[in-house]
Amino acid sequence: MADITITNVDDAAVQKMLEHAARTGRTLDAVARDVLLKALHAAPSERLAAADRVRAMTPSTLLTDATEMVREDRDRG
């Protein structure tokens, strides 16, 4: 199995997962894996609703337009 690192996770989301892990006697890693797997197997409408909930956790965070990042990188030479 592969390993991944997820950065900039909202503190409240991590706290909720830690609390869930403690209640269920599981590790944070196990809870995070389940969250990811459930999101991947959800219907498209459920995935969009989940994305909206995550986005609502960080309303002040601006999203970066990947197109602009590619253009900036290309323009640097």
Protein backbone atom coordinates (compact mmCIF):
# COMPACT_ATOMS: atom_id res chain seq x y z
CA MET A 1 0.00 0.00 0.00
CA ALA A 2 1.08 3.55 -0.65
CA ASP A 3 1.55 6.29 1.92
CA ILE A 4 0.25 9.84 1.53
CA THR A 5 0.69 13.03 3.51
CA ILE A 6 -2.12 15.55 3.65
CA THR A 7 -1.15 19.08 4.64
CA ASN A 8 -3.18 22.08 5.78
CA VAL A 9 -6.01 20.06 7.28
CA ASP A 10 -8.40 22.19 9.31
CA ASP A 11 -7.77 21.75 13.05
CA ALA A 12 -11.48 21.23 13.73
CA ALA A 13 -11.65 18.40 11.18
CA VAL A 14 -8.63 16.69 12.72
CA GLN A 15 -10.12 17.09 16.19
CA LYS A 16 -13.39 15.50 15.07
CA MET A 17 -11.51 12.57 13.55
CA LEU A 18 -9.43 12.17 16.72
CA GLU A 19 -12.58 12.13 18.84
CA HIS A 20 -14.19 9.58 16.51
CA ALA A 21 -11.05 7.45 16.66
CA ALA A 22 -11.06 7.54 20.46
CA ARG A 23 -14.77 6.65 20.63
CA THR A 24 -14.34 3.70 18.29
CA GLY A 25 -10.99 2.48 19.62
CA ARG A 26 -9.25 3.08 16.30
CA THR A 27 -6.30 5.13 15.12
CA LEU A 28 -6.52 8.49 13.38
CA ASP A 29 -5.01 6.84 10.30
CA ALA A 30 -7.78 4.22 10.24
CA VAL A 31 -10.48 6.87 10.53
CA ALA A 32 -8.88 9.01 7.80
CA ARG A 33 -8.65 5.98 5.48
CA ASP A 34 -12.34 5.24 6.02
CA VAL A 35 -13.28 8.86 5.30
CA LEU A 36 -11.31 8.77 2.03
CA LEU A 37 -12.74 5.42 0.95
CA LYS A 38 -16.31 6.47 1.71
CA ALA A 39 -15.80 9.66 -0.30
CA LEU A 40 -14.46 7.71 -3.27
CA HIS A 41 -17.35 5.27 -3.28
CA ALA A 42 -20.04 7.90 -2.80
CA ALA A 43 -22.40 8.98 -5.56
CA PRO A 44 -21.38 12.17 -7.40
CA SER A 45 -24.03 14.23 -5.59
CA GLU A 46 -22.75 12.95 -2.24
CA ARG A 47 -19.15 13.81 -3.21
CA LEU A 48 -20.18 17.34 -4.15
CA ALA A 49 -22.04 17.76 -0.86
CA ALA A 50 -18.99 16.49 1.05
CA ALA A 51 -16.72 18.88 -0.85
CA ASP A 52 -19.05 21.75 0.02
CA ARG A 53 -18.92 20.78 3.71
CA VAL A 54 -15.10 20.70 3.65
CA ARG A 55 -14.98 24.01 1.78
CA ALA A 56 -17.26 25.55 4.43
CA MET A 57 -14.71 24.62 7.12
CA THR A 58 -12.21 27.09 5.63
CA PRO A 59 -14.31 29.94 4.20
CA SER A 60 -11.49 32.49 4.42
CA THR A 61 -9.02 30.36 2.45
CA LEU A 62 -8.70 31.45 -1.15
CA LEU A 63 -8.52 28.69 -3.74
CA THR A 64 -5.62 28.86 -6.17
CA ASP A 65 -6.38 28.72 -9.87
CA ALA A 66 -4.11 26.00 -11.25
CA THR A 67 -4.18 27.62 -14.68
CA GLU A 68 -2.56 30.75 -13.29
CA MET A 69 0.10 28.67 -11.54
CA VAL A 70 0.95 26.87 -14.80
CA ARG A 71 1.19 30.17 -16.67
CA GLU A 72 3.46 31.68 -14.01
CA ASP A 73 5.72 28.64 -14.10
CA ARG A 74 5.83 28.67 -17.90
CA ASP A 75 6.60 32.40 -17.99
CA ARG A 76 9.57 31.97 -15.65
CA GLY A 77 11.32 30.17 -18.44
